[in-house]
Amino acid sequence: MLNKKMNDIIFIAMVVIVAAVIVFIRFTVLGQIDDRIERNETDNARLIEQILVIQNLVQENRQDQLPSMIEMFDRVPESFDFDELTYYIEGSLVISGIPIQGENAASVTINSNPALPAQGTPHRALSNQLTLHEVRIEMTLTSIDTLYALLDELLYENPMMLIRDIQFETELGSTDIPIVLNLYALYYD
């Protein structure tokens, strides 16, 4: 056993060490918080400057007329870009919940020279005015709702797509539905 004086010294030393650790942690945390506050104030000042620049641009161009939303929505792209169309289709697949990588991934094929239906069909008449590119999407789904979400994304968000056909097979007792979706992408090329 230690004597009383030694016990008092150890107790006081432990109290001082605990107090020093608490003070150190407090100043460290407050220092980090102060740094974060300064960074946020700097970011806010930069954002305020950007907002003021944008507000000035709006004031300067207030008299300019924009086309109506219908005119902007009904535009067909001027030129075909294979990568842009591929990324658009893959992005729509991902947004709809269809994987583009891994097991059960959808595959996208774009054909710039599609075989068009016979003369007199709407697709053939349209091909005389616009350039058609065939998009083939092969996928396996577990719910038809996912297909509806994809069609909403592709057709209602982008007026440059037309459905050519949808092929699917269902097997009794199977939850997987293999689907082939063929679309036409329209361009002015």
N, C-alpha and C. Protein backbone atom coordinates (compact mmCIF):
# COMPACT_ATOMS: atom_id res chain seq x y z
N MET A 1 0.82 -1.18 0.00
CA MET A 1 0.00 0.00 0.00
C MET A 1 0.86 1.24 0.00
N LEU A 2 0.35 2.21 -0.71
CA LEU A 2 1.05 3.49 -0.77
C LEU A 2 0.60 4.34 0.41
N ASN A 3 1.46 5.22 0.79
CA ASN A 3 1.07 6.08 1.90
C ASN A 3 0.10 7.14 1.41
N LYS A 4 -0.50 7.85 2.36
CA LYS A 4 -1.54 8.82 2.07
C LYS A 4 -1.02 9.95 1.19
N LYS A 5 0.17 10.41 1.43
CA LYS A 5 0.74 11.51 0.66
C LYS A 5 0.92 11.09 -0.81
N MET A 6 1.40 9.85 -1.03
CA MET A 6 1.61 9.37 -2.39
C MET A 6 0.26 9.21 -3.11
N ASN A 7 -0.75 8.73 -2.41
CA ASN A 7 -2.10 8.61 -2.98
C ASN A 7 -2.64 9.97 -3.39
N ASP A 8 -2.43 10.99 -2.57
CA ASP A 8 -2.89 12.34 -2.90
C ASP A 8 -2.18 12.87 -4.15
N ILE A 9 -0.88 12.62 -4.24
CA ILE A 9 -0.11 13.10 -5.41
C ILE A 9 -0.59 12.40 -6.69
N ILE A 10 -0.81 11.09 -6.63
CA ILE A 10 -1.30 10.35 -7.81
C ILE A 10 -2.70 10.84 -8.18
N PHE A 11 -3.57 11.06 -7.20
CA PHE A 11 -4.92 11.55 -7.47
C PHE A 11 -4.88 12.91 -8.15
N ILE A 12 -4.07 13.85 -7.61
CA ILE A 12 -3.97 15.19 -8.18
C ILE A 12 -3.39 15.11 -9.60
N ALA A 13 -2.40 14.24 -9.81
CA ALA A 13 -1.80 14.08 -11.14
C ALA A 13 -2.84 13.57 -12.13
N MET A 14 -3.66 12.61 -11.71
CA MET A 14 -4.70 12.08 -12.60
C MET A 14 -5.73 13.16 -12.91
N VAL A 15 -6.12 13.95 -11.93
CA VAL A 15 -7.08 15.03 -12.16
C VAL A 15 -6.50 16.05 -13.14
N VAL A 16 -5.22 16.41 -12.96
CA VAL A 16 -4.57 17.37 -13.85
C VAL A 16 -4.49 16.81 -15.27
N ILE A 17 -4.12 15.52 -15.41
CA ILE A 17 -4.03 14.90 -16.74
C ILE A 17 -5.40 14.87 -17.41
N VAL A 18 -6.44 14.47 -16.69
CA VAL A 18 -7.80 14.45 -17.26
C VAL A 18 -8.22 15.85 -17.66
N ALA A 19 -7.96 16.85 -16.81
CA ALA A 19 -8.31 18.23 -17.14
C ALA A 19 -7.54 18.69 -18.37
N ALA A 20 -6.26 18.33 -18.49
CA ALA A 20 -5.45 18.73 -19.65
C ALA A 20 -5.98 18.08 -20.92
N VAL A 21 -6.36 16.80 -20.83
CA VAL A 21 -6.92 16.10 -22.01
C VAL A 21 -8.23 16.76 -22.42
N ILE A 22 -9.07 17.10 -21.47
CA ILE A 22 -10.35 17.75 -21.79
C ILE A 22 -10.12 19.10 -22.45
N VAL A 23 -9.20 19.89 -21.91
CA VAL A 23 -8.90 21.21 -22.48
C VAL A 23 -8.32 21.04 -23.89
N PHE A 24 -7.43 20.07 -24.08
CA PHE A 24 -6.83 19.83 -25.40
C PHE A 24 -7.90 19.45 -26.43
N ILE A 25 -8.77 18.52 -26.05
CA ILE A 25 -9.84 18.08 -26.95
C ILE A 25 -10.77 19.24 -27.27
N ARG A 26 -11.09 20.04 -26.27
CA ARG A 26 -11.99 21.18 -26.48
C ARG A 26 -11.40 22.16 -27.49
N PHE A 27 -10.12 22.52 -27.32
CA PHE A 27 -9.51 23.47 -28.25
C PHE A 27 -9.32 22.87 -29.64
N THR A 28 -9.03 21.58 -29.71
CA THR A 28 -8.90 20.93 -31.02
C THR A 28 -10.22 20.93 -31.75
N VAL A 29 -11.29 20.55 -31.08
CA VAL A 29 -12.61 20.50 -31.71
C VAL A 29 -13.06 21.91 -32.09
N LEU A 30 -12.87 22.88 -31.18
CA LEU A 30 -13.27 24.25 -31.50
C LEU A 30 -12.45 24.80 -32.66
N GLY A 31 -11.18 24.43 -32.74
CA GLY A 31 -10.34 24.88 -33.85
C GLY A 31 -10.84 24.32 -35.17
N GLN A 32 -11.24 23.05 -35.18
CA GLN A 32 -11.77 22.44 -36.40
C GLN A 32 -13.09 23.08 -36.79
N ILE A 33 -13.91 23.35 -35.80
CA ILE A 33 -15.20 23.99 -36.08
C ILE A 33 -14.98 25.40 -36.63
N ASP A 34 -14.03 26.13 -36.05
CA ASP A 34 -13.72 27.47 -36.55
C ASP A 34 -13.23 27.41 -38.00
N ASP A 35 -12.37 26.44 -38.31
CA ASP A 35 -11.89 26.29 -39.68
C ASP A 35 -13.05 26.00 -40.63
N ARG A 36 -13.95 25.12 -40.21
CA ARG A 36 -15.10 24.81 -41.04
C ARG A 36 -16.00 26.02 -41.25
N ILE A 37 -16.19 26.81 -40.21
CA ILE A 37 -17.01 28.02 -40.31
C ILE A 37 -16.36 29.00 -41.30
N GLU A 38 -15.05 29.17 -41.21
CA GLU A 38 -14.35 30.08 -42.14
C GLU A 38 -14.48 29.59 -43.57
N ARG A 39 -14.34 28.27 -43.80
CA ARG A 39 -14.50 27.73 -45.16
C ARG A 39 -15.92 27.97 -45.67
N ASN A 40 -16.92 27.73 -44.81
CA ASN A 40 -18.30 27.95 -45.23
C ASN A 40 -18.57 29.42 -45.53
N GLU A 41 -18.02 30.32 -44.74
CA GLU A 41 -18.20 31.75 -45.00
C GLU A 41 -17.56 32.13 -46.33
N THR A 42 -16.39 31.58 -46.64
CA THR A 42 -15.73 31.85 -47.91
C THR A 42 -16.57 31.30 -49.07
N ASP A 43 -17.06 30.06 -48.92
CA ASP A 43 -17.91 29.48 -49.96
C ASP A 43 -19.19 30.28 -50.15
N ASN A 44 -19.79 30.73 -49.05
CA ASN A 44 -21.01 31.54 -49.14
C ASN A 44 -20.75 32.86 -49.86
N ALA A 45 -19.61 33.48 -49.57
CA ALA A 45 -19.27 34.75 -50.24
C ALA A 45 -19.11 34.51 -51.74
N ARG A 46 -18.47 33.40 -52.12
CA ARG A 46 -18.30 33.08 -53.53
C ARG A 46 -19.65 32.82 -54.20
N LEU A 47 -20.54 32.10 -53.51
CA LEU A 47 -21.87 31.83 -54.06
C LEU A 47 -22.68 33.11 -54.20
N ILE A 48 -22.56 34.02 -53.25
CA ILE A 48 -23.27 35.30 -53.34
C ILE A 48 -22.80 36.08 -54.56
N GLU A 49 -21.49 36.06 -54.82
CA GLU A 49 -20.96 36.73 -56.02
C GLU A 49 -21.53 36.11 -57.28
N GLN A 50 -21.59 34.78 -57.34
CA GLN A 50 -22.15 34.11 -58.52
C GLN A 50 -23.63 34.44 -58.69
N ILE A 51 -24.36 34.48 -57.59
CA ILE A 51 -25.79 34.83 -57.66
C ILE A 51 -25.96 36.25 -58.18
N LEU A 52 -25.14 37.17 -57.71
CA LEU A 52 -25.23 38.56 -58.18
C LEU A 52 -24.92 38.66 -59.68
N VAL A 53 -23.94 37.91 -60.14
CA VAL A 53 -23.62 37.92 -61.58
C VAL A 53 -24.80 37.38 -62.38
N ILE A 54 -25.40 36.30 -61.91
CA ILE A 54 -26.56 35.72 -62.62
C ILE A 54 -27.74 36.68 -62.58
N GLN A 55 -27.97 37.33 -61.44
CA GLN A 55 -29.06 38.29 -61.35
C GLN A 55 -28.84 39.45 -62.32
N ASN A 56 -27.61 39.91 -62.46
CA ASN A 56 -27.31 40.98 -63.42
C ASN A 56 -27.56 40.51 -64.85
N LEU A 57 -27.18 39.28 -65.17
CA LEU A 57 -27.45 38.75 -66.51
C LEU A 57 -28.94 38.68 -66.79
N VAL A 58 -29.70 38.26 -65.78
CA VAL A 58 -31.16 38.19 -65.96
C VAL A 58 -31.72 39.59 -66.18
N GLN A 59 -31.27 40.57 -65.43
CA GLN A 59 -31.75 41.94 -65.59
C GLN A 59 -31.40 42.49 -66.98
N GLU A 60 -30.18 42.20 -67.45
CA GLU A 60 -29.76 42.69 -68.76
C GLU A 60 -30.55 42.06 -69.89
N ASN A 61 -30.96 40.80 -69.73
CA ASN A 61 -31.63 40.07 -70.81
C ASN A 61 -33.11 39.84 -70.52
N ARG A 62 -33.69 40.68 -69.70
CA ARG A 62 -35.08 40.51 -69.31
C ARG A 62 -36.03 40.62 -70.51
N GLN A 63 -35.68 41.40 -71.51
CA GLN A 63 -36.57 41.62 -72.65
C GLN A 63 -36.53 40.49 -73.67
N ASP A 64 -35.52 39.64 -73.62
CA ASP A 64 -35.41 38.54 -74.58
C ASP A 64 -36.53 37.54 -74.36
N GLN A 65 -37.10 37.05 -75.46
CA GLN A 65 -38.18 36.08 -75.39
C GLN A 65 -37.62 34.67 -75.60
N LEU A 66 -38.00 33.77 -74.74
CA LEU A 66 -37.63 32.37 -74.89
C LEU A 66 -38.74 31.65 -75.64
N PRO A 67 -38.40 30.59 -76.38
CA PRO A 67 -39.45 29.81 -77.02
C PRO A 67 -40.33 29.14 -75.96
N SER A 68 -41.56 28.87 -76.34
CA SER A 68 -42.45 28.23 -75.38
C SER A 68 -41.94 26.83 -75.05
N MET A 69 -42.40 26.29 -73.95
CA MET A 69 -41.95 24.96 -73.53
C MET A 69 -42.29 23.91 -74.58
N ILE A 70 -43.42 24.06 -75.26
CA ILE A 70 -43.81 23.09 -76.28
C ILE A 70 -42.81 23.12 -77.43
N GLU A 71 -42.41 24.31 -77.85
CA GLU A 71 -41.42 24.40 -78.93
C GLU A 71 -40.10 23.79 -78.51
N MET A 72 -39.69 24.02 -77.28
CA MET A 72 -38.42 23.46 -76.80
C MET A 72 -38.51 21.94 -76.66
N PHE A 73 -39.68 21.44 -76.28
CA PHE A 73 -39.85 20.01 -76.04
C PHE A 73 -39.90 19.23 -77.34
N ASP A 74 -40.46 19.81 -78.38
CA ASP A 74 -40.67 19.09 -79.63
C ASP A 74 -39.50 19.15 -80.59
N ARG A 75 -38.35 19.54 -80.14
CA ARG A 75 -37.20 19.63 -81.03
C ARG A 75 -36.61 18.25 -81.29
N VAL A 76 -36.25 18.03 -82.54
CA VAL A 76 -35.52 16.83 -82.93
C VAL A 76 -34.07 17.24 -83.07
N PRO A 77 -33.14 16.47 -82.53
CA PRO A 77 -31.73 16.87 -82.61
C PRO A 77 -31.25 17.03 -84.05
N GLU A 78 -30.33 17.96 -84.24
CA GLU A 78 -29.81 18.27 -85.57
C GLU A 78 -28.89 17.18 -86.11
N SER A 79 -28.04 16.64 -85.27
CA SER A 79 -27.07 15.67 -85.77
C SER A 79 -26.97 14.47 -84.85
N PHE A 80 -26.64 13.35 -85.42
CA PHE A 80 -26.54 12.10 -84.70
C PHE A 80 -25.18 12.01 -84.03
N ASP A 81 -25.17 11.66 -82.76
CA ASP A 81 -23.95 11.43 -82.01
C ASP A 81 -24.11 10.08 -81.32
N PHE A 82 -23.33 9.09 -81.79
CA PHE A 82 -23.46 7.72 -81.30
C PHE A 82 -23.26 7.66 -79.79
N ASP A 83 -22.20 8.30 -79.28
CA ASP A 83 -21.91 8.25 -77.84
C ASP A 83 -23.01 8.91 -77.02
N GLU A 84 -23.49 10.05 -77.48
CA GLU A 84 -24.54 10.77 -76.75
C GLU A 84 -25.81 9.92 -76.66
N LEU A 85 -26.18 9.27 -77.77
CA LEU A 85 -27.37 8.42 -77.76
C LEU A 85 -27.16 7.21 -76.85
N THR A 86 -25.97 6.61 -76.91
CA THR A 86 -25.67 5.46 -76.05
C THR A 86 -25.77 5.85 -74.58
N TYR A 87 -25.15 6.97 -74.21
CA TYR A 87 -25.18 7.41 -72.81
C TYR A 87 -26.60 7.77 -72.37
N TYR A 88 -27.38 8.35 -73.29
CA TYR A 88 -28.76 8.70 -72.96
C TYR A 88 -29.57 7.44 -72.66
N ILE A 89 -29.41 6.41 -73.52
CA ILE A 89 -30.15 5.16 -73.33
C ILE A 89 -29.70 4.49 -72.03
N GLU A 90 -28.38 4.40 -71.82
CA GLU A 90 -27.87 3.76 -70.60
C GLU A 90 -28.30 4.52 -69.35
N GLY A 91 -28.29 5.84 -69.42
CA GLY A 91 -28.75 6.65 -68.29
C GLY A 91 -30.22 6.40 -68.00
N SER A 92 -31.03 6.29 -69.04
CA SER A 92 -32.46 6.00 -68.85
C SER A 92 -32.67 4.63 -68.24
N LEU A 93 -31.84 3.67 -68.65
CA LEU A 93 -31.92 2.33 -68.06
C LEU A 93 -31.62 2.38 -66.56
N VAL A 94 -30.55 3.08 -66.21
CA VAL A 94 -30.17 3.17 -64.79
C VAL A 94 -31.24 3.89 -63.98
N ILE A 95 -31.76 5.00 -64.51
CA ILE A 95 -32.81 5.75 -63.81
C ILE A 95 -34.04 4.87 -63.59
N SER A 96 -34.32 3.98 -64.55
CA SER A 96 -35.49 3.11 -64.45
C SER A 96 -35.24 1.89 -63.57
N GLY A 97 -34.00 1.73 -63.09
CA GLY A 97 -33.70 0.61 -62.21
C GLY A 97 -33.23 -0.64 -62.92
N ILE A 98 -32.78 -0.50 -64.16
CA ILE A 98 -32.29 -1.64 -64.94
C ILE A 98 -30.77 -1.58 -64.98
N PRO A 99 -30.09 -2.63 -64.53
CA PRO A 99 -28.62 -2.59 -64.49
C PRO A 99 -28.01 -2.62 -65.90
N ILE A 100 -26.87 -1.93 -66.05
CA ILE A 100 -26.17 -1.95 -67.34
C ILE A 100 -24.84 -2.67 -67.22
N GLN A 101 -24.53 -3.14 -66.01
CA GLN A 101 -23.31 -3.91 -65.78
C GLN A 101 -23.63 -5.07 -64.87
N GLY A 102 -22.81 -6.12 -64.96
CA GLY A 102 -22.98 -7.26 -64.07
C GLY A 102 -23.97 -8.26 -64.61
N GLU A 103 -24.42 -9.13 -63.70
CA GLU A 103 -25.37 -10.16 -64.09
C GLU A 103 -26.73 -9.52 -64.40
N ASN A 104 -27.42 -10.05 -65.38
CA ASN A 104 -28.72 -9.53 -65.84
C ASN A 104 -28.62 -8.10 -66.36
N ALA A 105 -27.46 -7.72 -66.88
CA ALA A 105 -27.29 -6.38 -67.41
C ALA A 105 -27.98 -6.25 -68.76
N ALA A 106 -28.54 -5.09 -69.01
CA ALA A 106 -29.16 -4.81 -70.30
C ALA A 106 -28.07 -4.54 -71.33
N SER A 107 -28.34 -4.89 -72.57
CA SER A 107 -27.39 -4.57 -73.64
C SER A 107 -28.08 -3.64 -74.64
N VAL A 108 -27.31 -2.68 -75.13
CA VAL A 108 -27.84 -1.68 -76.06
C VAL A 108 -27.07 -1.80 -77.36
N THR A 109 -27.80 -1.90 -78.47
CA THR A 109 -27.20 -1.95 -79.80
C THR A 109 -27.85 -0.86 -80.64
N ILE A 110 -27.01 -0.07 -81.31
CA ILE A 110 -27.53 1.00 -82.17
C ILE A 110 -27.14 0.68 -83.61
N ASN A 111 -28.15 0.67 -84.48
CA ASN A 111 -27.94 0.39 -85.90
C ASN A 111 -28.28 1.66 -86.68
N SER A 112 -27.28 2.20 -87.38
CA SER A 112 -27.51 3.45 -88.12
C SER A 112 -28.17 3.23 -89.47
N ASN A 113 -28.28 1.99 -89.91
CA ASN A 113 -28.93 1.68 -91.19
C ASN A 113 -30.01 0.63 -90.97
N PRO A 114 -31.12 1.01 -90.35
CA PRO A 114 -32.14 0.00 -90.05
C PRO A 114 -32.90 -0.44 -91.29
N ALA A 115 -33.38 -1.67 -91.25
CA ALA A 115 -34.26 -2.17 -92.31
C ALA A 115 -35.66 -1.64 -91.99
N LEU A 116 -36.15 -0.79 -92.86
CA LEU A 116 -37.44 -0.15 -92.60
C LEU A 116 -38.58 -0.99 -93.16
N PRO A 117 -39.78 -0.82 -92.58
CA PRO A 117 -40.95 -1.54 -93.07
C PRO A 117 -41.28 -1.13 -94.51
N ALA A 118 -42.25 -1.81 -95.07
CA ALA A 118 -42.64 -1.60 -96.47
C ALA A 118 -43.10 -0.17 -96.72
N GLN A 119 -43.14 0.17 -98.02
CA GLN A 119 -43.62 1.49 -98.44
C GLN A 119 -45.04 1.72 -97.93
N GLY A 120 -45.32 2.98 -97.65
CA GLY A 120 -46.66 3.35 -97.22
C GLY A 120 -46.86 3.30 -95.72
N THR A 121 -45.90 2.82 -94.98
CA THR A 121 -46.04 2.78 -93.52
C THR A 121 -45.59 4.12 -92.94
N PRO A 122 -46.08 4.47 -91.75
CA PRO A 122 -45.67 5.74 -91.14
C PRO A 122 -44.16 5.83 -90.92
N HIS A 123 -43.52 4.71 -90.56
CA HIS A 123 -42.07 4.74 -90.33
C HIS A 123 -41.32 5.05 -91.63
N ARG A 124 -41.77 4.47 -92.73
CA ARG A 124 -41.12 4.71 -94.03
C ARG A 124 -41.33 6.18 -94.44
N ALA A 125 -42.53 6.71 -94.24
CA ALA A 125 -42.80 8.11 -94.58
C ALA A 125 -41.94 9.03 -93.72
N LEU A 126 -41.79 8.70 -92.46
CA LEU A 126 -40.98 9.51 -91.56
C LEU A 126 -39.50 9.47 -91.96
N SER A 127 -39.07 8.33 -92.48
CA SER A 127 -37.66 8.20 -92.85
C SER A 127 -37.32 9.07 -94.07
N ASN A 128 -38.32 9.49 -94.82
CA ASN A 128 -38.07 10.40 -95.94
C ASN A 128 -37.76 11.81 -95.45
N GLN A 129 -38.24 12.16 -94.26
CA GLN A 129 -38.05 13.50 -93.71
C GLN A 129 -36.90 13.55 -92.70
N LEU A 130 -36.68 12.45 -91.98
CA LEU A 130 -35.67 12.41 -90.92
C LEU A 130 -34.79 11.18 -91.09
N THR A 131 -33.67 11.18 -90.41
CA THR A 131 -32.80 10.01 -90.39
C THR A 131 -33.18 9.16 -89.18
N LEU A 132 -33.40 7.87 -89.42
CA LEU A 132 -33.78 6.96 -88.35
C LEU A 132 -32.58 6.10 -87.97
N HIS A 133 -32.38 5.93 -86.68
CA HIS A 133 -31.36 5.02 -86.16
C HIS A 133 -32.10 4.04 -85.25
N GLU A 134 -31.89 2.76 -85.49
CA GLU A 134 -32.58 1.75 -84.70
C GLU A 134 -31.81 1.47 -83.41
N VAL A 135 -32.53 1.46 -82.29
CA VAL A 135 -31.94 1.16 -80.99
C VAL A 135 -32.59 -0.13 -80.50
N ARG A 136 -31.74 -1.11 -80.19
CA ARG A 136 -32.23 -2.40 -79.69
C ARG A 136 -31.73 -2.56 -78.26
N ILE A 137 -32.67 -2.75 -77.33
CA ILE A 137 -32.34 -2.93 -75.92
C ILE A 137 -32.80 -4.32 -75.52
N GLU A 138 -31.85 -5.15 -75.09
CA GLU A 138 -32.17 -6.49 -74.61
C GLU A 138 -31.95 -6.51 -73.11
N MET A 139 -32.97 -6.98 -72.37
CA MET A 139 -32.89 -6.95 -70.92
C MET A 139 -33.74 -8.07 -70.33
N THR A 140 -33.48 -8.38 -69.08
CA THR A 140 -34.29 -9.34 -68.34
C THR A 140 -34.83 -8.61 -67.12
N LEU A 141 -36.15 -8.58 -67.01
CA LEU A 141 -36.80 -7.86 -65.92
C LEU A 141 -37.58 -8.82 -65.04
N THR A 142 -37.81 -8.41 -63.82
CA THR A 142 -38.64 -9.20 -62.91
C THR A 142 -40.01 -8.56 -62.72
N SER A 143 -40.16 -7.33 -63.19
CA SER A 143 -41.44 -6.63 -63.04
C SER A 143 -41.71 -5.82 -64.30
N ILE A 144 -42.92 -5.90 -64.76
CA ILE A 144 -43.31 -5.14 -65.95
C ILE A 144 -43.35 -3.65 -65.65
N ASP A 145 -43.48 -3.28 -64.36
CA ASP A 145 -43.47 -1.87 -63.97
C ASP A 145 -42.14 -1.20 -64.32
N THR A 146 -41.06 -1.97 -64.29
CA THR A 146 -39.75 -1.43 -64.65
C THR A 146 -39.74 -1.07 -66.13
N LEU A 147 -40.39 -1.88 -66.96
CA LEU A 147 -40.49 -1.57 -68.40
C LEU A 147 -41.30 -0.29 -68.59
N TYR A 148 -42.40 -0.15 -67.85
CA TYR A 148 -43.20 1.07 -67.95
C TYR A 148 -42.37 2.30 -67.56
N ALA A 149 -41.56 2.17 -66.50
CA ALA A 149 -40.71 3.28 -66.08
C ALA A 149 -39.70 3.64 -67.16
N LEU A 150 -39.12 2.61 -67.81
CA LEU A 150 -38.17 2.86 -68.90
C LEU A 150 -38.85 3.56 -70.07
N LEU A 151 -40.03 3.08 -70.44
CA LEU A 151 -40.74 3.71 -71.57
C LEU A 151 -41.11 5.15 -71.23
N ASP A 152 -41.53 5.41 -70.00
CA ASP A 152 -41.80 6.79 -69.60
C ASP A 152 -40.56 7.64 -69.75
N GLU A 153 -39.44 7.13 -69.29
CA GLU A 153 -38.18 7.87 -69.36
C GLU A 153 -37.76 8.13 -70.80
N LEU A 154 -37.86 7.11 -71.64
CA LEU A 154 -37.39 7.24 -73.03
C LEU A 154 -38.35 8.05 -73.91
N LEU A 155 -39.63 7.79 -73.79
CA LEU A 155 -40.58 8.36 -74.74
C LEU A 155 -41.19 9.68 -74.30
N TYR A 156 -41.50 9.81 -73.03
CA TYR A 156 -42.17 11.02 -72.58
C TYR A 156 -41.19 12.12 -72.23
N GLU A 157 -39.97 11.75 -71.89
CA GLU A 157 -38.95 12.75 -71.59
C GLU A 157 -38.20 13.19 -72.84
N ASN A 158 -38.28 12.40 -73.90
CA ASN A 158 -37.50 12.68 -75.09
C ASN A 158 -38.35 12.38 -76.32
N PRO A 159 -38.77 13.40 -77.06
CA PRO A 159 -39.67 13.18 -78.19
C PRO A 159 -39.00 12.58 -79.41
N MET A 160 -37.70 12.33 -79.37
CA MET A 160 -37.03 11.83 -80.56
C MET A 160 -37.06 10.32 -80.67
N MET A 161 -37.81 9.62 -79.84
CA MET A 161 -37.88 8.17 -79.85
C MET A 161 -39.27 7.69 -80.26
N LEU A 162 -39.30 6.63 -81.08
CA LEU A 162 -40.54 5.96 -81.44
C LEU A 162 -40.36 4.47 -81.19
N ILE A 163 -41.39 3.81 -80.68
CA ILE A 163 -41.32 2.36 -80.47
C ILE A 163 -41.55 1.67 -81.80
N ARG A 164 -40.65 0.77 -82.15
CA ARG A 164 -40.86 -0.09 -83.33
C ARG A 164 -41.62 -1.33 -82.90
N ASP A 165 -41.09 -2.05 -81.90
CA ASP A 165 -41.81 -3.20 -81.35
C ASP A 165 -41.19 -3.59 -80.00
N ILE A 166 -41.97 -4.39 -79.28
CA ILE A 166 -41.52 -4.94 -78.01
C ILE A 166 -41.75 -6.45 -78.09
N GLN A 167 -40.69 -7.21 -77.84
CA GLN A 167 -40.80 -8.67 -77.88
C GLN A 167 -40.48 -9.20 -76.49
N PHE A 168 -41.31 -10.15 -76.01
CA PHE A 168 -41.03 -10.75 -74.72
C PHE A 168 -41.64 -12.14 -74.66
N GLU A 169 -41.08 -12.95 -73.78
CA GLU A 169 -41.59 -14.29 -73.55
C GLU A 169 -41.71 -14.49 -72.05
N THR A 170 -42.78 -15.13 -71.67
CA THR A 170 -42.92 -15.46 -70.25
C THR A 170 -43.05 -16.97 -70.13
N GLU A 171 -42.36 -17.51 -69.15
CA GLU A 171 -42.44 -18.93 -68.89
C GLU A 171 -43.23 -19.13 -67.61
N LEU A 172 -44.04 -20.12 -67.59
CA LEU A 172 -44.86 -20.42 -66.42
C LEU A 172 -43.96 -20.72 -65.22
N GLY A 173 -44.14 -20.00 -64.13
CA GLY A 173 -43.37 -20.22 -62.92
C GLY A 173 -42.08 -19.42 -62.85
N SER A 174 -41.70 -18.73 -63.92
CA SER A 174 -40.45 -17.95 -63.92
C SER A 174 -40.76 -16.50 -63.56
N THR A 175 -39.88 -15.90 -62.76
CA THR A 175 -40.06 -14.49 -62.40
C THR A 175 -39.30 -13.57 -63.35
N ASP A 176 -38.39 -14.13 -64.14
CA ASP A 176 -37.61 -13.32 -65.09
C ASP A 176 -38.34 -13.22 -66.42
N ILE A 177 -38.38 -12.01 -66.96
CA ILE A 177 -39.04 -11.76 -68.24
C ILE A 177 -38.00 -11.22 -69.21
N PRO A 178 -37.53 -12.04 -70.19
CA PRO A 178 -36.60 -11.50 -71.19
C PRO A 178 -37.37 -10.61 -72.17
N ILE A 179 -36.88 -9.41 -72.36
CA ILE A 179 -37.56 -8.42 -73.20
C ILE A 179 -36.58 -7.85 -74.21
N VAL A 180 -37.05 -7.67 -75.44
CA VAL A 180 -36.29 -6.96 -76.47
C VAL A 180 -37.15 -5.77 -76.90
N LEU A 181 -36.58 -4.58 -76.70
CA LEU A 181 -37.28 -3.34 -77.04
C LEU A 181 -36.58 -2.71 -78.23
N ASN A 182 -37.29 -2.54 -79.34
CA ASN A 182 -36.73 -1.91 -80.53
C ASN A 182 -37.36 -0.53 -80.71
N LEU A 183 -36.50 0.46 -80.82
CA LEU A 183 -36.94 1.85 -80.96
C LEU A 183 -36.28 2.48 -82.19
N TYR A 184 -36.87 3.57 -82.63
CA TYR A 184 -36.23 4.41 -83.64
C TYR A 184 -35.86 5.74 -82.97
N ALA A 185 -34.62 6.16 -83.16
CA ALA A 185 -34.18 7.49 -82.72
C ALA A 185 -34.19 8.37 -83.96
N LEU A 186 -34.78 9.55 -83.84
CA LEU A 186 -34.97 10.44 -84.99
C LEU A 186 -33.95 11.58 -84.97
N TYR A 187 -33.40 11.88 -86.14
CA TYR A 187 -32.44 12.99 -86.28
C TYR A 187 -32.67 13.66 -87.64
N TYR A 188 -32.20 14.91 -87.76
CA TYR A 188 -32.31 15.66 -89.01
C TYR A 188 -31.17 15.41 -89.98
N ASP A 189 -30.16 14.64 -89.60
CA ASP A 189 -28.94 14.45 -90.41
C ASP A 189 -29.22 14.52 -91.89
